[in-house]
C-alpha atoms as a PDB file:
ATOM      1  CA  MET A   1     122.321 106.132 121.684  1.00  0.00           C
ATOM      2  CA  ASP A   2     119.202 104.153 122.702  1.00  0.00           C
ATOM      3  CA  PHE A   3     117.005 106.592 120.803  1.00  0.00           C
ATOM      4  CA  TYR A   4     118.868 106.089 117.531  1.00  0.00           C
ATOM      5  CA  ILE A   5     118.927 102.302 117.890  1.00  0.00           C
ATOM      6  CA  PHE A   6     115.179 102.103 118.406  1.00  0.00           C
ATOM      7  CA  PHE A   7     114.590 104.786 115.786  1.00  0.00           C
ATOM      8  CA  VAL A   8     116.215 102.469 113.237  1.00  0.00           C
ATOM      9  CA  ILE A   9     114.211  99.482 114.517  1.00  0.00           C
ATOM     10  CA  GLY A  10     111.002 101.510 114.333  1.00  0.00           C
ATOM     11  CA  ALA A  11     111.808 102.689 110.816  1.00  0.00           C
ATOM     12  CA  PHE A  12     112.259  99.100 109.629  1.00  0.00           C
ATOM     13  CA  ILE A  13     108.986  98.108 111.288  1.00  0.00           C
ATOM     14  CA  GLY A  14     107.390 101.116 109.599  1.00  0.00           C
ATOM     15  CA  SER A  15     108.698  99.751 106.304  1.00  0.00           C
ATOM     16  CA  PHE A  16     106.862  96.499 106.986  1.00  0.00           C
ATOM     17  CA  PHE A  17     103.669  98.362 107.845  1.00  0.00           C
ATOM     18  CA  ASN A  18     103.964 100.229 104.543  1.00  0.00           C
ATOM     19  CA  VAL A  19     103.568  96.828 102.926  1.00  0.00           C
ATOM     20  CA  VAL A  20     100.551  96.187 105.162  1.00  0.00           C
ATOM     21  CA  ILE A  21      98.987  99.534 104.214  1.00  0.00           C
ATOM     22  CA  TYR A  22      99.365  98.797 100.513  1.00  0.00           C
ATOM     23  CA  ARG A  23      98.486  95.101 100.419  1.00  0.00           C
ATOM     24  CA  LEU A  24      95.899  94.533 103.140  1.00  0.00           C
ATOM     25  CA  PRO A  25      93.076  96.493 101.446  1.00  0.00           C
ATOM     26  CA  ARG A  26      93.874  94.590  98.247  1.00  0.00           C
ATOM     27  CA  GLU A  27      93.619  91.276 100.127  1.00  0.00           C
ATOM     28  CA  GLU A  28      97.194  90.393  99.187  1.00  0.00           C
ATOM     29  CA  SER A  29      99.704  88.530 101.321  1.00  0.00           C
ATOM     30  CA  VAL A  30     101.928  90.809 103.403  1.00  0.00           C
ATOM     31  CA  VAL A  31     104.698  88.204 103.274  1.00  0.00           C
ATOM     32  CA  LYS A  32     104.877  87.128  99.615  1.00  0.00           C
ATOM     33  CA  PRO A  33     105.998  88.233  97.126  1.00  0.00           C
ATOM     34  CA  ARG A  34     108.921  90.347  98.296  1.00  0.00           C
ATOM     35  CA  SER A  35     108.739  94.132  98.153  1.00  0.00           C
ATOM     36  CA  HIS A  36     108.319  95.497  94.654  1.00  0.00           C
ATOM     37  CA  CYS A  37     107.497  98.736  92.883  1.00  0.00           C
ATOM     38  CA  PRO A  38     103.703  99.120  92.698  1.00  0.00           C
ATOM     39  CA  LYS A  39     104.065 100.632  89.206  1.00  0.00           C
ATOM     40  CA  CYS A  40     106.530  98.422  87.294  1.00  0.00           C
ATOM     41  CA  LYS A  41     106.268  95.412  89.665  1.00  0.00           C
ATOM     42  CA  VAL A  42     110.061  94.888  89.685  1.00  0.00           C
ATOM     43  CA  SER A  43     111.357  93.422  92.958  1.00  0.00           C
ATOM     44  CA  ILE A  44     113.301  95.824  95.157  1.00  0.00           C
ATOM     45  CA  PRO A  45     116.735  94.490  96.231  1.00  0.00           C
ATOM     46  CA  PHE A  46     117.579  94.796  99.914  1.00  0.00           C
ATOM     47  CA  TYR A  47     120.185  97.511  99.308  1.00  0.00           C
ATOM     48  CA  ARG A  48     117.481  99.696  97.715  1.00  0.00           C
ATOM     49  CA  ASN A  49     114.979  98.979 100.472  1.00  0.00           C
ATOM     50  CA  ILE A  50     116.625 100.769 103.401  1.00  0.00           C
ATOM     51  CA  PRO A  51     113.975 102.776 105.270  1.00  0.00           C
ATOM     52  CA  ILE A  52     114.114 106.567 104.779  1.00  0.00           C
ATOM     53  CA  ILE A  53     117.614 106.499 103.261  1.00  0.00           C
ATOM     54  CA  SER A  54     116.601 104.749 100.031  1.00  0.00           C
ATOM     55  CA  TYR A  55     113.703 107.158  99.489  1.00  0.00           C
ATOM     56  CA  ILE A  56     115.973 110.189  99.927  1.00  0.00           C
ATOM     57  CA  ILE A  57     118.804 108.835  97.760  1.00  0.00           C
ATOM     58  CA  GLN A  58     116.392 107.926  94.969  1.00  0.00           C
ATOM     59  CA  LEU A  59     114.623 111.287  95.283  1.00  0.00           C
ATOM     60  CA  GLY A  60     111.306 109.536  95.860  1.00  0.00           C
ATOM     61  CA  LYS A  61     111.454 107.637  92.578  1.00  0.00           C
ATOM     62  CA  CYS A  62     111.654 103.976  91.615  1.00  0.00           C
ATOM     63  CA  ALA A  63     115.224 103.071  90.622  1.00  0.00           C
ATOM     64  CA  ASN A  64     113.888 101.002  87.718  1.00  0.00           C
ATOM     65  CA  CYS A  65     110.941 102.826  86.121  1.00  0.00           C
ATOM     66  CA  LYS A  66     111.611 106.303  87.598  1.00  0.00           C
ATOM     67  CA  ASN A  67     107.945 106.702  88.585  1.00  0.00           C
ATOM     68  CA  ASN A  68     107.256 108.665  91.742  1.00  0.00           C
ATOM     69  CA  ILE A  69     106.983 106.691  94.971  1.00  0.00           C
ATOM     70  CA  SER A  70     104.259 107.892  97.358  1.00  0.00           C
ATOM     71  CA  ILE A  71     105.594 110.052 100.173  1.00  0.00           C
ATOM     72  CA  GLN A  72     103.565 107.757 102.428  1.00  0.00           C
ATOM     73  CA  TYR A  73     106.533 105.387 102.508  1.00  0.00           C
ATOM     74  CA  LEU A  74     108.882 108.037 103.840  1.00  0.00           C
ATOM     75  CA  LEU A  75     106.403 109.468 106.350  1.00  0.00           C
ATOM     76  CA  VAL A  76     105.312 106.129 107.827  1.00  0.00           C
ATOM     77  CA  GLU A  77     108.929 105.029 108.293  1.00  0.00           C
ATOM     78  CA  LEU A  78     109.936 108.388 109.764  1.00  0.00           C
ATOM     79  CA  ILE A  79     106.976 108.714 112.133  1.00  0.00           C
ATOM     80  CA  ASN A  80     107.268 105.104 113.239  1.00  0.00           C
ATOM     81  CA  GLY A  81     110.979 105.530 113.874  1.00  0.00           C
ATOM     82  CA  LEU A  82     110.403 108.654 115.968  1.00  0.00           C
ATOM     83  CA  ILE A  83     107.672 106.960 117.990  1.00  0.00           C
ATOM     84  CA  TRP A  84     109.774 103.869 118.717  1.00  0.00           C
ATOM     85  CA  GLY A  85     112.790 106.015 119.583  1.00  0.00           C
ATOM     86  CA  TRP A  86     110.733 108.143 121.966  1.00  0.00           C
ATOM     87  CA  ALA A  87     108.920 105.209 123.594  1.00  0.00           C
ATOM     88  CA  PHE A  88     111.995 103.129 124.379  1.00  0.00           C
ATOM     89  CA  THR A  89     113.843 106.207 125.638  1.00  0.00           C
ATOM     90  CA  ASN A  90     111.094 107.490 127.943  1.00  0.00           C
ATOM     91  CA  LEU A  91     108.989 104.502 129.028  1.00  0.00           C
ATOM     92  CA  PRO A  92     109.702 101.313 130.989  1.00  0.00           C
ATOM     93  CA  LEU A  93     110.474  98.451 128.604  1.00  0.00           C
ATOM     94  CA  PRO A  94     107.110  96.598 128.857  1.00  0.00           C
ATOM     95  CA  GLU A  95     105.120  99.815 128.377  1.00  0.00           C
ATOM     96  CA  ALA A  96     107.376 100.887 125.510  1.00  0.00           C
ATOM     97  CA  ILE A  97     106.757  97.622 123.683  1.00  0.00           C
ATOM     98  CA  THR A  98     102.978  97.892 124.085  1.00  0.00           C
ATOM     99  CA  ALA A  99     102.845 101.573 123.137  1.00  0.00           C
ATOM    100  CA  SER A 100     105.128 101.174 120.107  1.00  0.00           C
ATOM    101  CA  LEU A 101     103.192  98.231 118.690  1.00  0.00           C
ATOM    102  CA  ILE A 102      99.797  99.842 119.291  1.00  0.00           C
ATOM    103  CA  ILE A 103     100.890 103.132 117.726  1.00  0.00           C
ATOM    104  CA  SER A 104     102.350 101.333 114.683  1.00  0.00           C
ATOM    105  CA  ILE A 105      98.967  99.688 114.184  1.00  0.00           C
ATOM    106  CA  LEU A 106      97.193 103.024 114.638  1.00  0.00           C
ATOM    107  CA  ILE A 107      99.358 104.611 111.950  1.00  0.00           C
ATOM    108  CA  SER A 108      98.485 101.808 109.528  1.00  0.00           C
ATOM    109  CA  ILE A 109      94.773 101.954 110.337  1.00  0.00           C
ATOM    110  CA  SER A 110      94.729 105.730 109.908  1.00  0.00           C
ATOM    111  CA  TRP A 111      96.433 105.637 106.534  1.00  0.00           C
ATOM    112  CA  ILE A 112      94.127 102.944 105.202  1.00  0.00           C
ATOM    113  CA  ASP A 113      90.986 104.626 106.537  1.00  0.00           C
ATOM    114  CA  ALA A 114      92.039 107.973 105.066  1.00  0.00           C
ATOM    115  CA  ARG A 115      92.466 106.369 101.642  1.00  0.00           C
ATOM    116  CA  ILE A 116      89.535 103.948 101.366  1.00  0.00           C
ATOM    117  CA  TYR A 117      87.271 104.721 104.360  1.00  0.00           C
ATOM    118  CA  MET A 118      87.761 101.262 105.834  1.00  0.00           C
ATOM    119  CA  ILE A 119      89.400  99.881 108.973  1.00  0.00           C
ATOM    120  CA  PRO A 120      90.749  96.357 108.334  1.00  0.00           C
ATOM    121  CA  LEU A 121      89.483  93.802 110.831  1.00  0.00           C
ATOM    122  CA  ASP A 122      92.884  92.052 110.683  1.00  0.00           C
ATOM    123  CA  LEU A 123      94.599  95.066 112.275  1.00  0.00           C
ATOM    124  CA  ILE A 124      91.859  95.345 114.898  1.00  0.00           C
ATOM    125  CA  ILE A 125      92.408  91.677 115.820  1.00  0.00           C
ATOM    126  CA  VAL A 126      96.176  92.204 116.101  1.00  0.00           C
ATOM    127  CA  GLY A 127      95.527  95.209 118.329  1.00  0.00           C
ATOM    128  CA  VAL A 128      93.187  93.196 120.558  1.00  0.00           C
ATOM    129  CA  ILE A 129      95.817  90.448 120.888  1.00  0.00           C
ATOM    130  CA  ILE A 130      98.420  93.010 121.980  1.00  0.00           C
ATOM    131  CA  ILE A 131      95.986  94.463 124.526  1.00  0.00           C
ATOM    132  CA  VAL A 132      95.113  91.027 125.951  1.00  0.00           C
ATOM    133  CA  LEU A 133      98.769  90.020 126.243  1.00  0.00           C
ATOM    134  CA  SER A 134      99.590  93.353 127.896  1.00  0.00           C
ATOM    135  CA  ILE A 135      96.852  92.779 130.484  1.00  0.00           C
ATOM    136  CA  ILE A 136      98.006  89.206 131.146  1.00  0.00           C
ATOM    137  CA  LEU A 137     101.613  90.380 131.587  1.00  0.00           C
ATOM    138  CA  GLY A 138     100.541  93.199 133.897  1.00  0.00           C
ATOM    139  CA  VAL A 139     101.500  96.043 131.582  1.00  0.00           C
ATOM    140  CA  LEU A 140      97.900  97.279 131.517  1.00  0.00           C
ATOM    141  CA  SER A 141      95.395  97.241 134.358  1.00  0.00           C
ATOM    142  CA  LEU A 142      92.370  95.056 133.653  1.00  0.00           C
ATOM    143  CA  TYR A 143      90.121  97.376 135.659  1.00  0.00           C
ATOM    144  CA  GLN A 144      91.303 100.514 133.825  1.00  0.00           C
ATOM    145  CA  ALA A 145      91.112  98.679 130.497  1.00  0.00           C
ATOM    146  CA  LEU A 146      87.489  97.698 131.066  1.00  0.00           C
ATOM    147  CA  LEU A 147      86.546 101.237 132.061  1.00  0.00           C
ATOM    148  CA  GLY A 148      88.426 102.523 129.043  1.00  0.00           C
ATOM    149  CA  ILE A 149      86.550 100.146 126.766  1.00  0.00           C
ATOM    150  CA  LEU A 150      83.256 101.451 128.134  1.00  0.00           C
ATOM    151  CA  ALA A 151      84.378 104.996 127.378  1.00  0.00           C
ATOM    152  CA  GLY A 152      85.790 104.096 123.982  1.00  0.00           C
ATOM    153  CA  VAL A 153      82.785 102.107 122.794  1.00  0.00           C
ATOM    154  CA  LEU A 154      79.734 103.241 124.764  1.00  0.00           C
ATOM    155  CA  PHE A 155      80.109 106.987 124.180  1.00  0.00           C
ATOM    156  CA  PRO A 156      80.708 106.740 120.403  1.00  0.00           C
ATOM    157  CA  ALA A 157      77.927 104.136 120.051  1.00  0.00           C
ATOM    158  CA  THR A 158      75.536 106.499 121.839  1.00  0.00           C
ATOM    159  CA  MET A 159      76.531 109.377 119.559  1.00  0.00           C
ATOM    160  CA  MET A 160      76.135 107.114 116.536  1.00  0.00           C
ATOM    161  CA  GLY A 161      72.648 106.114 117.654  1.00  0.00           C
ATOM    162  CA  LEU A 162      71.577 109.703 118.304  1.00  0.00           C
ATOM    163  CA  THR A 163      72.954 110.789 114.926  1.00  0.00           C
ATOM    164  CA  TRP A 164      70.962 108.077 113.189  1.00  0.00           C
ATOM    165  CA  LEU A 165      67.764 108.971 115.043  1.00  0.00           C
ATOM    166  CA  VAL A 166      68.085 112.650 114.102  1.00  0.00           C
ATOM    167  CA  THR A 167      69.483 112.440 110.567  1.00  0.00           C
ATOM    168  CA  ARG A 168      68.848 108.804 109.568  1.00  0.00           C
ATOM    169  CA  ARG A 169      72.543 108.681 108.671  1.00  0.00           C
ATOM    170  CA  GLN A 170      75.308 106.616 110.223  1.00  0.00           C
ATOM    171  CA  GLY A 171      77.691 109.215 111.583  1.00  0.00           C
ATOM    172  CA  MET A 172      80.417 106.712 112.441  1.00  0.00           C
ATOM    173  CA  GLY A 173      81.407 103.303 111.193  1.00  0.00           C
ATOM    174  CA  PHE A 174      81.521 100.122 113.227  1.00  0.00           C
ATOM    175  CA  GLY A 175      85.246 100.053 112.555  1.00  0.00           C
ATOM    176  CA  ASP A 176      85.526 103.250 114.597  1.00  0.00           C
ATOM    177  CA  LEU A 177      83.818 101.483 117.515  1.00  0.00           C
ATOM    178  CA  GLN A 178      86.267  98.592 117.221  1.00  0.00           C
ATOM    179  CA  LEU A 179      89.123 101.084 117.200  1.00  0.00           C
ATOM    180  CA  GLY A 180      87.616 102.762 120.255  1.00  0.00           C
ATOM    181  CA  LEU A 181      87.763  99.410 122.064  1.00  0.00           C
ATOM    182  CA  ILE A 182      91.513  99.150 121.508  1.00  0.00           C
ATOM    183  CA  LEU A 183      92.183 102.785 122.346  1.00  0.00           C
ATOM    184  CA  GLY A 184      90.045 102.657 125.474  1.00  0.00           C
ATOM    185  CA  ALA A 185      91.761  99.534 126.786  1.00  0.00           C
ATOM    186  CA  TRP A 186      95.172 101.069 126.106  1.00  0.00           C
ATOM    187  CA  LEU A 187      94.534 104.586 127.425  1.00  0.00           C
ATOM    188  CA  GLY A 188      92.042 104.031 130.226  1.00  0.00           C
ATOM    189  CA  PRO A 189      88.788 105.975 130.716  1.00  0.00           C
ATOM    190  CA  ILE A 190      90.057 109.518 131.360  1.00  0.00           C
ATOM    191  CA  LEU A 191      92.528 109.702 128.509  1.00  0.00           C
ATOM    192  CA  MET A 192      89.978 108.004 126.236  1.00  0.00           C
ATOM    193  CA  ILE A 193      87.365 110.655 126.963  1.00  0.00           C
ATOM    194  CA  LEU A 194      89.934 113.364 126.230  1.00  0.00           C
ATOM    195  CA  THR A 195      90.820 111.542 123.021  1.00  0.00           C
ATOM    196  CA  LEU A 196      87.189 111.444 121.889  1.00  0.00           C
ATOM    197  CA  PHE A 197      86.784 115.142 122.615  1.00  0.00           C
ATOM    198  CA  LEU A 198      89.943 116.147 120.738  1.00  0.00           C
ATOM    199  CA  ALA A 199      89.204 113.821 117.802  1.00  0.00           C
ATOM    200  CA  SER A 200      85.669 115.225 117.469  1.00  0.00           C
ATOM    201  CA  LEU A 201      87.026 118.777 117.571  1.00  0.00           C
ATOM    202  CA  LEU A 202      89.663 118.049 114.928  1.00  0.00           C
ATOM    203  CA  GLY A 203      87.113 116.263 112.752  1.00  0.00           C
ATOM    204  CA  LEU A 204      84.746 119.244 112.991  1.00  0.00           C
ATOM    205  CA  ILE A 205      87.521 121.690 112.098  1.00  0.00           C
ATOM    206  CA  ALA A 206      88.537 119.521 109.136  1.00  0.00           C
ATOM    207  CA  TRP A 207      84.927 119.306 107.921  1.00  0.00           C
ATOM    208  CA  ILE A 208      84.529 123.091 108.135  1.00  0.00           C
ATOM    209  CA  LEU A 209      87.783 123.724 106.255  1.00  0.00           C
ATOM    210  CA  ILE A 210      86.893 121.199 103.535  1.00  0.00           C
ATOM    211  CA  SER A 211      83.444 122.764 103.224  1.00  0.00           C
ATOM    212  CA  ILE A 212      84.955 126.227 102.836  1.00  0.00           C
ATOM    213  CA  PHE A 213      87.174 125.153  99.941  1.00  0.00           C
ATOM    214  CA  GLN A 214      84.980 122.485  98.329  1.00  0.00           C
ATOM    215  CA  GLY A 215      81.479 123.551  99.285  1.00  0.00           C
ATOM    216  CA  ILE A 216      79.089 122.136 101.858  1.00  0.00           C
ATOM    217  CA  ASP A 217      78.096 118.525 101.298  1.00  0.00           C
ATOM    218  CA  ARG A 218      76.254 116.913 104.183  1.00  0.00           C
ATOM    219  CA  ASN A 219      76.885 113.469 102.674  1.00  0.00           C
ATOM    220  CA  ARG A 220      80.642 113.955 102.335  1.00  0.00           C
ATOM    221  CA  PRO A 221      82.396 111.035 104.096  1.00  0.00           C
ATOM    222  CA  LEU A 222      85.035 111.910 106.673  1.00  0.00           C
ATOM    223  CA  PRO A 223      87.352 109.151 107.928  1.00  0.00           C
ATOM    224  CA  PHE A 224      87.413 109.343 111.720  1.00  0.00           C
ATOM    225  CA  ALA A 225      90.269 106.902 112.453  1.00  0.00           C
ATOM    226  CA  PRO A 226      93.037 109.416 111.616  1.00  0.00           C
ATOM    227  CA  TYR A 227      91.603 111.934 114.084  1.00  0.00           C
ATOM    228  CA  LEU A 228      91.111 109.271 116.759  1.00  0.00           C
ATOM    229  CA  SER A 229      94.621 107.925 116.295  1.00  0.00           C
ATOM    230  CA  PHE A 230      96.316 111.329 116.199  1.00  0.00           C
ATOM    231  CA  SER A 231      94.421 112.427 119.313  1.00  0.00           C
ATOM    232  CA  ALA A 232      95.176 109.201 121.192  1.00  0.00           C
ATOM    233  CA  ILE A 233      98.895 109.301 120.384  1.00  0.00           C
ATOM    234  CA  SER A 234      99.182 112.997 121.229  1.00  0.00           C
ATOM    235  CA  ILE A 235      97.333 112.688 124.529  1.00  0.00           C
ATOM    236  CA  PHE A 236      99.308 109.561 125.469  1.00  0.00           C
ATOM    237  CA  ILE A 237     102.611 111.354 124.893  1.00  0.00           C
ATOM    238  CA  VAL A 238     101.494 114.525 126.672  1.00  0.00           C
ATOM    239  CA  SER A 239     100.224 112.494 129.646  1.00  0.00           C
ATOM    240  CA  ASN A 240     103.716 111.092 130.142  1.00  0.00           C
ATOM    241  CA  TYR A 241     105.055 114.611 130.681  1.00  0.00           C
ATOM    242  CA  SER A 242     102.105 116.136 132.523  1.00  0.00           C
ATOM    243  CA  THR A 243     102.155 116.405 136.288  1.00  0.00           C
ATOM    244  CA  THR A 244      98.973 118.441 136.585  1.00  0.00           C
ATOM    245  CA  LEU A 245      95.362 117.676 135.812  1.00  0.00           C
ATOM    246  CA  ILE A 246      95.796 114.473 133.771  1.00  0.00           C
ATOM    247  CA  ASP A 247      97.926 112.798 136.450  1.00  0.00           C
ATOM    248  CA  HIS A 248      95.436 113.761 139.137  1.00  0.00           C
ATOM    249  CA  LEU A 249      92.509 112.423 137.135  1.00  0.00           C
ATOM    250  CA  ILE A 250      94.258 109.113 136.418  1.00  0.00           C
ATOM    251  CA  MET A 251      95.078 108.613 140.121  1.00  0.00           C
ATOM    252  CA  VAL A 252      91.467 109.245 141.040  1.00  0.00           C
END
């Protein structure tokens, strides 16, 4: 029962973050005006704005203009609901709150970065506030957070510097370093290093696949936040089930 309750809560929060994903890059208020169709601009009544259900009932179309609604809305609500349901079912309450909020922000950052190659500073600031409050309340260890920040910022910054020296190109954005700060503080040093490794591997695989189908372009931009976020979330979840190497490394 707890899973379904928090799944619904997470889906509604995902609905709010859909607004953030759409409006923040456009520098619009995430509070006003109320939710509306991005095509015809008609306000959406509350009974047509039920997460997941409304999208399915309306077959992914606006009830007014019948234009297609991006599947982003369904996926963000669904993924967010699943994450919140899992977190509050498997983690102690304080850790569940921190993890759910951080992951919701990661989902939003990833979607925005994938679309416009930009990580909004506003979401980074919200993430930092959550991290600071979690440290103050004892949810996160200050010592582990500081080591994690070193891993999440120092390693990528070094790679960025080496890439620039060799190619005279900026391999990563400063937004990725800011994201690494949040991820490192949340995950700690060991999980952050694993996250960087997995994200780099996934990014390389994606670049190779894109190059195969679209041709090699050394200047082709590749948003890194989605790979960082996916890797961080995956490794965080796996670490909560693992009793082998990851647990041993964390204890050390």
